[in-house]
C-alpha cells in the first residue's frame, strides 16, 4: 500500500496550524496568569448557606474580616439559607469560577444533604474546588433549663414513653443536625418528632417559647444560654469534654461513640476556579486562620482551628460522605 508523501505545502500548513495552536495556548495561559496576578480586583462574596446569626455566620464573618485585610478587598457575607444549606451551596457551585465568589462549606452542605437528598442539583465532589478546612466545632443537645429532662437517659426514656411526640429541632431537613439526630434515635431505639428550621435563631426562639422540647446545634449559638442557665446541655458531640462545659458528658461517654465527633467548616470555590487562584486563596486563608483574632474567636466557642491543603480537604469530604451514606442507609433516613 502506497503511503502518501507529505508535500512541502502540506508540511507548511501543518506547521502553521501547530504554531497557531501553540500561540493560542500560550496566549490563554498568559491571560490566566495576568488575571491571577490581579486577583482579587473587586470585592469577594462569601455565600453562607445558613441564616444570619447562625453558627456558620459566626465563622463566615470572622474569616471574612481577616481575608479582607490580607487580600485588600472587602469580603461580603451573603446569607442564603434554605433546604438544610443546599440553596446556598448550589449558588456557589453555579457562580462564575474566578475566585470572587466563595462558599462557607459545612458537613450539612457537602456531606449529610448529599447523602440523604437525591434531588440535589450539585455534586459535593465535582462541583466545588476545596480551599481549606477552617475549624472543627462541637455541638450540644439541649433542653430548657427548667425541663424535667435532666440527662440524655432522661431524654431517651421520654421518647420511649411518647413515641414520635418529643419534638426535636434541627437546622434543616438534610442538615448534619438532622442526620445525626436520626442516627442517635436509631442507636437509642426511639423516634422523635423532627422539626426542621432555617437556622439557629429560629430554633432558639421556639425553644424558649416552649414550641419545641429539644434541640441540637453547634456550640456558638448555645453557649451563652447554657452558661446563663436558660438552657441545659445533655451531651456534647466531641471526642473530649468541652472546656467551657466541663460538667457536660460527651456522647461517647454515654455510649454513643459513633456520633461523638465534632463537625467541621471549610471554604470552597466553584469547581473550575483556576488553580493559581485557589492556591492564592488557600495561602491567604491559612494566614487568616493563624491570626490571634481568629484563634481567639474560635477558642471562645470551643472550636479548634484546622488549616489544611485543598487536597486534604477534598479527601476529608470524600471520607465523611462515604460514612454518612452508610449511616443514611442503615438508619433508613429520608427527607
C-alpha atoms as a PDB file:
ATOM      1  CA  UNK A   1       0.000   0.000   0.000  1.00  0.00           C
ATOM      2  CA  UNK A   2       1.477   3.331  -1.077  1.00  0.00           C
ATOM      3  CA  UNK A   3       1.879   5.970   1.598  1.00  0.00           C
ATOM      4  CA  UNK A   4       1.016   9.493   0.688  1.00  0.00           C
ATOM      5  CA  UNK A   5       4.146  11.635   0.831  1.00  0.00           C
ATOM      6  CA  UNK A   6       3.868  14.940   2.619  1.00  0.00           C
ATOM      7  CA  UNK A   7       4.379  17.816   0.235  1.00  0.00           C
ATOM      8  CA  UNK A   8       6.266  20.950   1.230  1.00  0.00           C
ATOM      9  CA  UNK A   9       2.927  22.807   1.129  1.00  0.00           C
ATOM     10  CA  UNK A  10       1.178  20.330   3.490  1.00  0.00           C
ATOM     11  CA  UNK A  11       4.098  20.432   5.896  1.00  0.00           C
ATOM     12  CA  UNK A  12       3.982  24.206   5.888  1.00  0.00           C
ATOM     13  CA  UNK A  13       0.250  24.208   6.615  1.00  0.00           C
ATOM     14  CA  UNK A  14       0.712  21.703   9.417  1.00  0.00           C
ATOM     15  CA  UNK A  15       3.445  23.804  10.993  1.00  0.00           C
ATOM     16  CA  UNK A  16       1.238  26.880  10.716  1.00  0.00           C
ATOM     17  CA  UNK A  17      -1.657  25.069  12.436  1.00  0.00           C
ATOM     18  CA  UNK A  18       0.627  23.784  15.197  1.00  0.00           C
ATOM     19  CA  UNK A  19       2.168  27.205  15.626  1.00  0.00           C
ATOM     20  CA  UNK A  20      -1.267  28.831  15.832  1.00  0.00           C
ATOM     21  CA  UNK A  21      -2.439  26.268  18.399  1.00  0.00           C
ATOM     22  CA  UNK A  22       0.683  26.722  20.493  1.00  0.00           C
ATOM     23  CA  UNK A  23       0.448  30.504  20.334  1.00  0.00           C
ATOM     24  CA  UNK A  24      -3.249  30.312  21.289  1.00  0.00           C
ATOM     25  CA  UNK A  25      -2.474  28.119  24.286  1.00  0.00           C
ATOM     26  CA  UNK A  26       0.327  30.428  25.359  1.00  0.00           C
ATOM     27  CA  UNK A  27      -1.953  33.422  24.993  1.00  0.00           C
ATOM     28  CA  UNK A  28      -4.617  31.785  27.164  1.00  0.00           C
ATOM     29  CA  UNK A  29      -2.016  30.805  29.752  1.00  0.00           C
ATOM     30  CA  UNK A  30      -0.654  34.329  29.725  1.00  0.00           C
ATOM     31  CA  UNK A  31      -4.114  35.770  30.158  1.00  0.00           C
ATOM     32  CA  UNK A  32      -4.840  33.397  33.055  1.00  0.00           C
ATOM     33  CA  UNK A  33      -1.554  34.321  34.705  1.00  0.00           C
ATOM     34  CA  UNK A  34      -2.319  38.008  34.307  1.00  0.00           C
ATOM     35  CA  UNK A  35      -5.799  37.553  35.759  1.00  0.00           C
ATOM     36  CA  UNK A  36      -4.365  35.610  38.691  1.00  0.00           C
ATOM     37  CA  UNK A  37      -1.794  38.327  39.310  1.00  0.00           C
ATOM     38  CA  UNK A  38      -4.612  40.871  39.563  1.00  0.00           C
ATOM     39  CA  UNK A  39      -6.763  38.674  41.808  1.00  0.00           C
ATOM     40  CA  UNK A  40      -8.756  39.876  43.608  1.00  0.00           C
ATOM     41  CA  UNK A  41      -9.618  43.003  41.644  1.00  0.00           C
ATOM     42  CA  UNK A  42     -13.036  43.596  43.214  1.00  0.00           C
ATOM     43  CA  UNK A  43     -14.999  42.648  46.373  1.00  0.00           C
ATOM     44  CA  UNK A  44     -15.348  38.958  47.198  1.00  0.00           C
ATOM     45  CA  UNK A  45     -18.745  37.473  48.050  1.00  0.00           C
ATOM     46  CA  UNK A  46     -18.743  34.734  50.684  1.00  0.00           C
ATOM     47  CA  UNK A  47     -22.019  32.819  50.446  1.00  0.00           C
ATOM     48  CA  UNK A  48     -23.141  31.423  53.798  1.00  0.00           C
ATOM     49  CA  UNK A  49     -25.795  28.710  53.337  1.00  0.00           C
ATOM     50  CA  UNK A  50     -27.496  29.429  56.657  1.00  0.00           C
ATOM     51  CA  UNK A  51     -29.237  32.406  58.228  1.00  0.00           C
ATOM     52  CA  UNK A  52     -27.556  35.441  59.775  1.00  0.00           C
ATOM     53  CA  UNK A  53     -26.773  34.783  63.424  1.00  0.00           C
ATOM     54  CA  UNK A  54     -26.199  31.063  62.846  1.00  0.00           C
ATOM     55  CA  UNK A  55     -23.046  29.139  63.691  1.00  0.00           C
ATOM     56  CA  UNK A  56     -21.764  29.269  60.124  1.00  0.00           C
ATOM     57  CA  UNK A  57     -22.423  33.022  60.101  1.00  0.00           C
ATOM     58  CA  UNK A  58     -20.162  33.412  63.134  1.00  0.00           C
ATOM     59  CA  UNK A  59     -17.218  31.941  61.228  1.00  0.00           C
ATOM     60  CA  UNK A  60     -18.134  33.433  57.855  1.00  0.00           C
ATOM     61  CA  UNK A  61     -17.804  36.900  59.308  1.00  0.00           C
ATOM     62  CA  UNK A  62     -14.703  36.027  61.340  1.00  0.00           C
ATOM     63  CA  UNK A  63     -12.799  34.642  58.338  1.00  0.00           C
ATOM     64  CA  UNK A  64     -14.217  37.319  56.035  1.00  0.00           C
ATOM     65  CA  UNK A  65     -12.816  40.082  58.247  1.00  0.00           C
ATOM     66  CA  UNK A  66      -9.339  38.555  58.191  1.00  0.00           C
ATOM     67  CA  UNK A  67      -9.335  37.815  54.449  1.00  0.00           C
ATOM     68  CA  UNK A  68     -10.389  41.373  53.650  1.00  0.00           C
ATOM     69  CA  UNK A  69      -7.286  42.662  55.413  1.00  0.00           C
ATOM     70  CA  UNK A  70      -4.976  40.175  53.688  1.00  0.00           C
ATOM     71  CA  UNK A  71      -6.422  40.382  50.142  1.00  0.00           C
ATOM     72  CA  UNK A  72      -7.068  44.111  50.098  1.00  0.00           C
ATOM     73  CA  UNK A  73     -10.713  43.779  49.034  1.00  0.00           C
ATOM     74  CA  UNK A  74     -13.965  43.728  51.042  1.00  0.00           C
ATOM     75  CA  UNK A  75     -15.409  40.284  51.770  1.00  0.00           C
ATOM     76  CA  UNK A  76     -19.206  40.498  51.770  1.00  0.00           C
ATOM     77  CA  UNK A  77     -21.087  37.735  53.603  1.00  0.00           C
ATOM     78  CA  UNK A  78     -24.253  36.773  51.712  1.00  0.00           C
ATOM     79  CA  UNK A  79     -26.604  34.577  53.796  1.00  0.00           C
ATOM     80  CA  UNK A  80     -28.714  32.313  51.570  1.00  0.00           C
ATOM     81  CA  UNK A  81     -30.499  29.871  53.830  1.00  0.00           C
ATOM     82  CA  UNK A  82     -32.876  27.068  52.951  1.00  0.00           C
ATOM     83  CA  UNK A  83     -33.073  23.308  52.329  1.00  0.00           C
ATOM     84  CA  UNK A  84     -30.526  22.455  55.000  1.00  0.00           C
ATOM     85  CA  UNK A  85     -27.886  24.605  53.328  1.00  0.00           C
ATOM     86  CA  UNK A  86     -28.494  23.271  49.818  1.00  0.00           C
ATOM     87  CA  UNK A  87     -29.692  26.557  48.314  1.00  0.00           C
ATOM     88  CA  UNK A  88     -26.546  28.428  49.284  1.00  0.00           C
ATOM     89  CA  UNK A  89     -24.261  25.581  48.232  1.00  0.00           C
ATOM     90  CA  UNK A  90     -25.907  25.407  44.814  1.00  0.00           C
ATOM     91  CA  UNK A  91     -25.406  29.158  44.372  1.00  0.00           C
ATOM     92  CA  UNK A  92     -21.672  28.680  44.958  1.00  0.00           C
ATOM     93  CA  UNK A  93     -21.498  25.754  42.532  1.00  0.00           C
ATOM     94  CA  UNK A  94     -23.178  27.829  39.790  1.00  0.00           C
ATOM     95  CA  UNK A  95     -21.156  31.015  40.379  1.00  0.00           C
ATOM     96  CA  UNK A  96     -18.514  32.335  37.986  1.00  0.00           C
ATOM     97  CA  UNK A  97     -15.317  30.408  38.776  1.00  0.00           C
ATOM     98  CA  UNK A  98     -12.883  33.282  39.158  1.00  0.00           C
ATOM     99  CA  UNK A  99     -12.400  33.272  42.935  1.00  0.00           C
ATOM    100  CA  UNK A 100     -14.640  36.258  43.631  1.00  0.00           C
ATOM    101  CA  UNK A 101     -17.462  34.023  44.905  1.00  0.00           C
ATOM    102  CA  UNK A 102     -16.665  31.622  47.734  1.00  0.00           C
ATOM    103  CA  UNK A 103     -18.777  29.401  49.936  1.00  0.00           C
ATOM    104  CA  UNK A 104     -18.739  28.550  53.627  1.00  0.00           C
ATOM    105  CA  UNK A 105     -18.838  24.760  53.440  1.00  0.00           C
ATOM    106  CA  UNK A 106     -20.110  22.505  56.218  1.00  0.00           C
ATOM    107  CA  UNK A 107     -20.907  18.878  56.904  1.00  0.00           C
ATOM    108  CA  UNK A 108     -24.527  19.785  56.149  1.00  0.00           C
ATOM    109  CA  UNK A 109     -23.846  21.138  52.646  1.00  0.00           C
ATOM    110  CA  UNK A 110     -21.150  18.736  51.433  1.00  0.00           C
ATOM    111  CA  UNK A 111     -21.918  15.538  53.337  1.00  0.00           C
ATOM    112  CA  UNK A 112     -25.277  14.996  55.033  1.00  0.00           C
ATOM    113  CA  UNK A 113     -27.507  16.708  52.477  1.00  0.00           C
ATOM    114  CA  UNK A 114     -25.907  14.892  49.508  1.00  0.00           C
ATOM    115  CA  UNK A 115     -26.100  11.631  51.463  1.00  0.00           C
ATOM    116  CA  UNK A 116     -29.827  11.893  52.144  1.00  0.00           C
ATOM    117  CA  UNK A 117     -31.253  14.124  49.414  1.00  0.00           C
ATOM    118  CA  UNK A 118     -31.341  12.544  45.957  1.00  0.00           C
ATOM    119  CA  UNK A 119     -32.781  15.673  44.317  1.00  0.00           C
ATOM    120  CA  UNK A 120     -29.800  17.970  44.993  1.00  0.00           C
ATOM    121  CA  UNK A 121     -28.592  19.874  41.941  1.00  0.00           C
ATOM    122  CA  UNK A 122     -24.915  19.806  42.843  1.00  0.00           C
ATOM    123  CA  UNK A 123     -22.246  17.151  43.370  1.00  0.00           C
ATOM    124  CA  UNK A 124     -20.166  17.687  46.529  1.00  0.00           C
ATOM    125  CA  UNK A 125     -17.068  16.115  44.983  1.00  0.00           C
ATOM    126  CA  UNK A 126     -17.269  17.534  41.443  1.00  0.00           C
ATOM    127  CA  UNK A 127     -18.873  20.979  41.674  1.00  0.00           C
ATOM    128  CA  UNK A 128     -16.508  22.636  44.152  1.00  0.00           C
ATOM    129  CA  UNK A 129     -12.835  23.482  44.451  1.00  0.00           C
ATOM    130  CA  UNK A 130     -11.937  22.973  48.128  1.00  0.00           C
ATOM    131  CA  UNK A 131      -9.749  25.757  49.528  1.00  0.00           C
ATOM    132  CA  UNK A 132      -9.155  24.670  53.142  1.00  0.00           C
ATOM    133  CA  UNK A 133     -10.875  23.478  56.262  1.00  0.00           C
ATOM    134  CA  UNK A 134     -11.297  26.259  58.815  1.00  0.00           C
ATOM    135  CA  UNK A 135     -12.394  24.812  62.151  1.00  0.00           C
ATOM    136  CA  UNK A 136     -13.916  21.843  63.893  1.00  0.00           C
ATOM    137  CA  UNK A 137     -16.736  22.622  66.263  1.00  0.00           C
ATOM    138  CA  UNK A 138     -18.539  20.583  68.917  1.00  0.00           C
ATOM    139  CA  UNK A 139     -22.318  20.602  69.096  1.00  0.00           C
ATOM    140  CA  UNK A 140     -24.671  20.010  72.004  1.00  0.00           C
ATOM    141  CA  UNK A 141     -28.112  18.576  72.624  1.00  0.00           C
ATOM    142  CA  UNK A 142     -30.074  20.943  74.849  1.00  0.00           C
ATOM    143  CA  UNK A 143     -33.405  21.449  76.605  1.00  0.00           C
ATOM    144  CA  UNK A 144     -34.767  24.367  78.596  1.00  0.00           C
ATOM    145  CA  UNK A 145     -33.128  24.954  81.948  1.00  0.00           C
ATOM    146  CA  UNK A 146     -36.373  24.107  83.780  1.00  0.00           C
ATOM    147  CA  UNK A 147     -37.165  20.998  81.695  1.00  0.00           C
ATOM    148  CA  UNK A 148     -37.896  17.757  83.579  1.00  0.00           C
ATOM    149  CA  UNK A 149     -35.413  16.136  81.177  1.00  0.00           C
ATOM    150  CA  UNK A 150     -32.109  16.417  83.037  1.00  0.00           C
ATOM    151  CA  UNK A 151     -29.884  13.935  81.206  1.00  0.00           C
ATOM    152  CA  UNK A 152     -29.541  12.020  77.944  1.00  0.00           C
ATOM    153  CA  UNK A 153     -31.013   8.860  79.558  1.00  0.00           C
ATOM    154  CA  UNK A 154     -33.992  11.000  80.624  1.00  0.00           C
ATOM    155  CA  UNK A 155     -34.436  12.103  77.018  1.00  0.00           C
ATOM    156  CA  UNK A 156     -34.360   8.525  75.764  1.00  0.00           C
ATOM    157  CA  UNK A 157     -36.913   7.474  78.384  1.00  0.00           C
ATOM    158  CA  UNK A 158     -39.191  10.387  77.443  1.00  0.00           C
ATOM    159  CA  UNK A 159     -39.025   9.382  73.781  1.00  0.00           C
ATOM    160  CA  UNK A 160     -39.890   5.795  74.661  1.00  0.00           C
ATOM    161  CA  UNK A 161     -42.846   6.960  76.751  1.00  0.00           C
ATOM    162  CA  UNK A 162     -44.084   9.270  73.964  1.00  0.00           C
ATOM    163  CA  UNK A 163     -43.023   7.764  70.602  1.00  0.00           C
ATOM    164  CA  UNK A 164     -42.741  10.359  67.784  1.00  0.00           C
ATOM    165  CA  UNK A 165     -44.101  13.054  70.123  1.00  0.00           C
ATOM    166  CA  UNK A 166     -40.979  14.567  71.724  1.00  0.00           C
ATOM    167  CA  UNK A 167     -40.197  17.475  69.395  1.00  0.00           C
ATOM    168  CA  UNK A 168     -36.552  17.707  68.367  1.00  0.00           C
ATOM    169  CA  UNK A 169     -35.309  20.650  66.273  1.00  0.00           C
ATOM    170  CA  UNK A 170     -32.515  20.661  63.686  1.00  0.00           C
ATOM    171  CA  UNK A 171     -31.091  23.419  61.422  1.00  0.00           C
ATOM    172  CA  UNK A 172     -32.914  21.932  58.433  1.00  0.00           C
ATOM    173  CA  UNK A 173     -34.025  18.760  56.660  1.00  0.00           C
ATOM    174  CA  UNK A 174     -30.910  17.044  55.369  1.00  0.00           C
ATOM    175  CA  UNK A 175     -28.604  19.058  57.621  1.00  0.00           C
ATOM    176  CA  UNK A 176     -25.929  17.375  59.709  1.00  0.00           C
ATOM    177  CA  UNK A 177     -28.091  18.025  62.756  1.00  0.00           C
ATOM    178  CA  UNK A 178     -30.962  16.141  61.138  1.00  0.00           C
ATOM    179  CA  UNK A 179     -28.894  13.112  60.093  1.00  0.00           C
ATOM    180  CA  UNK A 180     -27.136  12.886  63.463  1.00  0.00           C
ATOM    181  CA  UNK A 181     -30.488  13.197  65.267  1.00  0.00           C
ATOM    182  CA  UNK A 182     -31.899  10.302  63.246  1.00  0.00           C
ATOM    183  CA  UNK A 183     -28.737   8.267  63.830  1.00  0.00           C
ATOM    184  CA  UNK A 184     -28.959   8.893  67.575  1.00  0.00           C
ATOM    185  CA  UNK A 185     -32.637   7.872  67.557  1.00  0.00           C
ATOM    186  CA  UNK A 186     -31.755   4.700  65.636  1.00  0.00           C
ATOM    187  CA  UNK A 187     -28.971   3.786  68.058  1.00  0.00           C
ATOM    188  CA  UNK A 188     -31.178   4.508  71.087  1.00  0.00           C
ATOM    189  CA  UNK A 189     -34.146   2.637  69.626  1.00  0.00           C
ATOM    190  CA  UNK A 190     -36.527   5.590  69.826  1.00  0.00           C
ATOM    191  CA  UNK A 191     -38.332   8.000  67.489  1.00  0.00           C
ATOM    192  CA  UNK A 192     -38.603  11.771  67.794  1.00  0.00           C
ATOM    193  CA  UNK A 193     -40.787  14.341  66.084  1.00  0.00           C
ATOM    194  CA  UNK A 194     -38.235  16.061  63.852  1.00  0.00           C
ATOM    195  CA  UNK A 195     -38.829  19.808  63.382  1.00  0.00           C
ATOM    196  CA  UNK A 196     -36.556  21.390  60.728  1.00  0.00           C
ATOM    197  CA  UNK A 197     -35.646  25.083  60.851  1.00  0.00           C
ATOM    198  CA  UNK A 198     -33.682  27.526  58.691  1.00  0.00           C
ATOM    199  CA  UNK A 199     -31.158  28.485  61.354  1.00  0.00           C
ATOM    200  CA  UNK A 200     -30.163  28.724  64.989  1.00  0.00           C
ATOM    201  CA  UNK A 201     -32.054  31.944  65.742  1.00  0.00           C
ATOM    202  CA  UNK A 202     -35.428  30.460  64.872  1.00  0.00           C
ATOM    203  CA  UNK A 203     -34.645  27.286  66.824  1.00  0.00           C
ATOM    204  CA  UNK A 204     -33.817  29.217  69.970  1.00  0.00           C
ATOM    205  CA  UNK A 205     -36.908  31.416  69.685  1.00  0.00           C
ATOM    206  CA  UNK A 206     -39.212  28.402  69.585  1.00  0.00           C
ATOM    207  CA  UNK A 207     -37.242  26.522  72.218  1.00  0.00           C
ATOM    208  CA  UNK A 208     -37.508  29.437  74.642  1.00  0.00           C
ATOM    209  CA  UNK A 209     -41.174  29.854  73.688  1.00  0.00           C
ATOM    210  CA  UNK A 210     -41.973  26.236  74.504  1.00  0.00           C
ATOM    211  CA  UNK A 211     -42.953  25.258  70.948  1.00  0.00           C
ATOM    212  CA  UNK A 212     -40.218  22.594  70.842  1.00  0.00           C
ATOM    213  CA  UNK A 213     -38.675  20.496  73.609  1.00  0.00           C
ATOM    214  CA  UNK A 214     -35.192  19.529  72.439  1.00  0.00           C
ATOM    215  CA  UNK A 215     -32.631  20.955  70.028  1.00  0.00           C
ATOM    216  CA  UNK A 216     -29.192  20.056  68.762  1.00  0.00           C
ATOM    217  CA  UNK A 217     -26.879  22.687  67.348  1.00  0.00           C
ATOM    218  CA  UNK A 218     -23.256  23.803  67.289  1.00  0.00           C
ATOM    219  CA  UNK A 219     -21.836  25.419  70.392  1.00  0.00           C
ATOM    220  CA  UNK A 220     -21.554  29.126  69.393  1.00  0.00           C
ATOM    221  CA  UNK A 221     -25.279  29.851  69.389  1.00  0.00           C
ATOM    222  CA  UNK A 222     -25.951  27.751  72.501  1.00  0.00           C
ATOM    223  CA  UNK A 223     -23.060  28.507  74.830  1.00  0.00           C
ATOM    224  CA  UNK A 224     -24.235  31.874  76.265  1.00  0.00           C
ATOM    225  CA  UNK A 225     -27.655  30.418  77.111  1.00  0.00           C
ATOM    226  CA  UNK A 226     -26.155  27.278  78.665  1.00  0.00           C
ATOM    227  CA  UNK A 227     -23.872  29.457  80.765  1.00  0.00           C
ATOM    228  CA  UNK A 228     -26.810  31.600  81.893  1.00  0.00           C
ATOM    229  CA  UNK A 229     -28.902  28.573  82.845  1.00  0.00           C
ATOM    230  CA  UNK A 230     -31.665  29.233  80.306  1.00  0.00           C
ATOM    231  CA  UNK A 231     -30.623  26.017  78.550  1.00  0.00           C
ATOM    232  CA  UNK A 232     -29.394  22.703  79.917  1.00  0.00           C
ATOM    233  CA  UNK A 233     -26.861  20.727  77.858  1.00  0.00           C
ATOM    234  CA  UNK A 234     -27.454  16.972  77.990  1.00  0.00           C
ATOM    235  CA  UNK A 235     -24.422  15.887  75.968  1.00  0.00           C
ATOM    236  CA  UNK A 236     -21.779  17.328  73.656  1.00  0.00           C
ATOM    237  CA  UNK A 237     -20.663  15.867  70.360  1.00  0.00           C
ATOM    238  CA  UNK A 238     -16.878  15.811  70.571  1.00  0.00           C
ATOM    239  CA  UNK A 239     -14.059  13.379  71.321  1.00  0.00           C
ATOM    240  CA  UNK A 240     -13.461  15.078  74.669  1.00  0.00           C
ATOM    241  CA  UNK A 241     -15.364  17.312  77.069  1.00  0.00           C
ATOM    242  CA  UNK A 242     -15.653  20.961  76.107  1.00  0.00           C
ATOM    243  CA  UNK A 243     -13.524  23.161  78.406  1.00  0.00           C
ATOM    244  CA  UNK A 244     -16.334  25.732  78.659  1.00  0.00           C
ATOM    245  CA  UNK A 245     -18.757  22.968  79.753  1.00  0.00           C
ATOM    246  CA  UNK A 246     -16.647  20.653  81.916  1.00  0.00           C
ATOM    247  CA  UNK A 247     -19.645  19.037  83.634  1.00  0.00           C
ATOM    248  CA  UNK A 248     -21.394  18.012  80.408  1.00  0.00           C
ATOM    249  CA  UNK A 249     -20.530  14.465  79.211  1.00  0.00           C
ATOM    250  CA  UNK A 250     -19.746  13.584  75.617  1.00  0.00           C
ATOM    251  CA  UNK A 251     -21.977  11.261  73.602  1.00  0.00           C
ATOM    252  CA  UNK A 252     -19.077   8.808  73.683  1.00  0.00           C
ATOM    253  CA  UNK A 253     -19.108   8.727  77.493  1.00  0.00           C
ATOM    254  CA  UNK A 254     -22.817   7.924  77.359  1.00  0.00           C
ATOM    255  CA  UNK A 255     -22.415   5.002  74.973  1.00  0.00           C
ATOM    256  CA  UNK A 256     -22.825   6.713  71.583  1.00  0.00           C
ATOM    257  CA  UNK A 257     -19.233   6.876  70.363  1.00  0.00           C
ATOM    258  CA  UNK A 258     -20.096   6.676  66.664  1.00  0.00           C
ATOM    259  CA  UNK A 259     -21.757  10.097  66.754  1.00  0.00           C
ATOM    260  CA  UNK A 260     -19.391  11.748  69.239  1.00  0.00           C
ATOM    261  CA  UNK A 261     -17.204  13.738  66.896  1.00  0.00           C
ATOM    262  CA  UNK A 262     -17.062  17.487  66.179  1.00  0.00           C
ATOM    263  CA  UNK A 263     -18.298  18.842  62.863  1.00  0.00           C
ATOM    264  CA  UNK A 264     -16.207  20.982  60.531  1.00  0.00           C
ATOM    265  CA  UNK A 265     -16.497  24.129  58.445  1.00  0.00           C
ATOM    266  CA  UNK A 266     -14.368  24.992  55.439  1.00  0.00           C
ATOM    267  CA  UNK A 267     -14.007  27.285  52.454  1.00  0.00           C
ATOM    268  CA  UNK A 268     -14.781  26.286  48.839  1.00  0.00           C
ATOM    269  CA  UNK A 269     -14.896  27.912  45.406  1.00  0.00           C
ATOM    270  CA  UNK A 270     -16.709  26.838  42.212  1.00  0.00           C
ATOM    271  CA  UNK A 271     -15.105  23.797  40.594  1.00  0.00           C
ATOM    272  CA  UNK A 272     -13.466  25.467  37.583  1.00  0.00           C
ATOM    273  CA  UNK A 273     -11.701  28.167  39.601  1.00  0.00           C
ATOM    274  CA  UNK A 274      -8.083  28.428  38.313  1.00  0.00           C
ATOM    275  CA  UNK A 275      -5.565  26.502  40.396  1.00  0.00           C
ATOM    276  CA  UNK A 276      -3.414  29.585  40.917  1.00  0.00           C
ATOM    277  CA  UNK A 277      -6.411  31.438  42.346  1.00  0.00           C
ATOM    278  CA  UNK A 278      -7.264  28.512  44.645  1.00  0.00           C
ATOM    279  CA  UNK A 279      -3.626  28.453  45.755  1.00  0.00           C
ATOM    280  CA  UNK A 280      -3.720  32.180  46.492  1.00  0.00           C
ATOM    281  CA  UNK A 281      -6.955  31.772  48.451  1.00  0.00           C
ATOM    282  CA  UNK A 282      -5.530  28.821  50.375  1.00  0.00           C
ATOM    283  CA  UNK A 283      -2.387  30.747  51.331  1.00  0.00           C
ATOM    284  CA  UNK A 284      -4.357  33.808  52.422  1.00  0.00           C
ATOM    285  CA  UNK A 285      -6.887  31.735  54.384  1.00  0.00           C
ATOM    286  CA  UNK A 286      -4.181  29.748  56.188  1.00  0.00           C
ATOM    287  CA  UNK A 287      -2.622  33.060  57.176  1.00  0.00           C
ATOM    288  CA  UNK A 288      -6.039  34.323  58.342  1.00  0.00           C
ATOM    289  CA  UNK A 289      -6.694  31.196  60.421  1.00  0.00           C
ATOM    290  CA  UNK A 290      -3.426  31.743  62.272  1.00  0.00           C
ATOM    291  CA  UNK A 291      -4.144  35.349  63.271  1.00  0.00           C
ATOM    292  CA  UNK A 292      -4.624  35.956  67.024  1.00  0.00           C
ATOM    293  CA  UNK A 293      -8.057  37.459  66.339  1.00  0.00           C
ATOM    294  CA  UNK A 294      -9.399  34.407  64.505  1.00  0.00           C
ATOM    295  CA  UNK A 295      -7.861  31.990  67.004  1.00  0.00           C
ATOM    296  CA  UNK A 296      -9.442  33.916  69.899  1.00  0.00           C
ATOM    297  CA  UNK A 297     -12.880  33.886  68.256  1.00  0.00           C
ATOM    298  CA  UNK A 298     -12.589  30.158  67.573  1.00  0.00           C
ATOM    299  CA  UNK A 299     -11.445  29.194  71.052  1.00  0.00           C
ATOM    300  CA  UNK A 300     -14.150  31.389  72.618  1.00  0.00           C
ATOM    301  CA  UNK A 301     -16.786  28.989  71.280  1.00  0.00           C
ATOM    302  CA  UNK A 302     -14.833  25.773  71.984  1.00  0.00           C
ATOM    303  CA  UNK A 303     -13.707  25.422  68.375  1.00  0.00           C
ATOM    304  CA  UNK A 304     -10.358  24.225  67.034  1.00  0.00           C
ATOM    305  CA  UNK A 305      -8.548  25.785  64.062  1.00  0.00           C
ATOM    306  CA  UNK A 306      -7.867  23.158  61.389  1.00  0.00           C
ATOM    307  CA  UNK A 307      -5.963  24.576  58.389  1.00  0.00           C
ATOM    308  CA  UNK A 308      -5.405  22.168  55.502  1.00  0.00           C
ATOM    309  CA  UNK A 309      -4.414  21.928  51.859  1.00  0.00           C
ATOM    310  CA  UNK A 310      -7.111  21.753  49.154  1.00  0.00           C
ATOM    311  CA  UNK A 311      -6.199  18.088  48.601  1.00  0.00           C
ATOM    312  CA  UNK A 312      -6.580  17.250  52.282  1.00  0.00           C
ATOM    313  CA  UNK A 313      -9.965  18.964  52.384  1.00  0.00           C
ATOM    314  CA  UNK A 314     -11.138  17.048  49.297  1.00  0.00           C
ATOM    315  CA  UNK A 315     -10.121  13.767  50.931  1.00  0.00           C
ATOM    316  CA  UNK A 316     -11.966  14.720  54.140  1.00  0.00           C
ATOM    317  CA  UNK A 317     -15.169  15.449  52.214  1.00  0.00           C
ATOM    318  CA  UNK A 318     -14.977  12.098  50.391  1.00  0.00           C
ATOM    319  CA  UNK A 319     -14.322  10.200  53.629  1.00  0.00           C
ATOM    320  CA  UNK A 320     -17.224  11.778  55.519  1.00  0.00           C
ATOM    321  CA  UNK A 321     -19.574  11.416  52.558  1.00  0.00           C
ATOM    322  CA  UNK A 322     -18.939   7.679  52.360  1.00  0.00           C
ATOM    323  CA  UNK A 323     -19.512   7.330  56.108  1.00  0.00           C
ATOM    324  CA  UNK A 324     -22.761   9.348  56.097  1.00  0.00           C
ATOM    325  CA  UNK A 325     -24.129   7.416  53.123  1.00  0.00           C
ATOM    326  CA  UNK A 326     -23.740   4.214  55.137  1.00  0.00           C
ATOM    327  CA  UNK A 327     -25.444   5.860  58.127  1.00  0.00           C
ATOM    328  CA  UNK A 328     -28.360   7.038  55.998  1.00  0.00           C
ATOM    329  CA  UNK A 329     -28.810   3.532  54.585  1.00  0.00           C
ATOM    330  CA  UNK A 330     -28.576   1.725  57.933  1.00  0.00           C
ATOM    331  CA  UNK A 331     -30.855   4.166  59.767  1.00  0.00           C
ATOM    332  CA  UNK A 332     -33.221   4.458  56.765  1.00  0.00           C
ATOM    333  CA  UNK A 333     -33.095   8.266  56.880  1.00  0.00           C
ATOM    334  CA  UNK A 334     -35.221  10.056  54.272  1.00  0.00           C
ATOM    335  CA  UNK A 335     -36.484  13.548  53.564  1.00  0.00           C
END
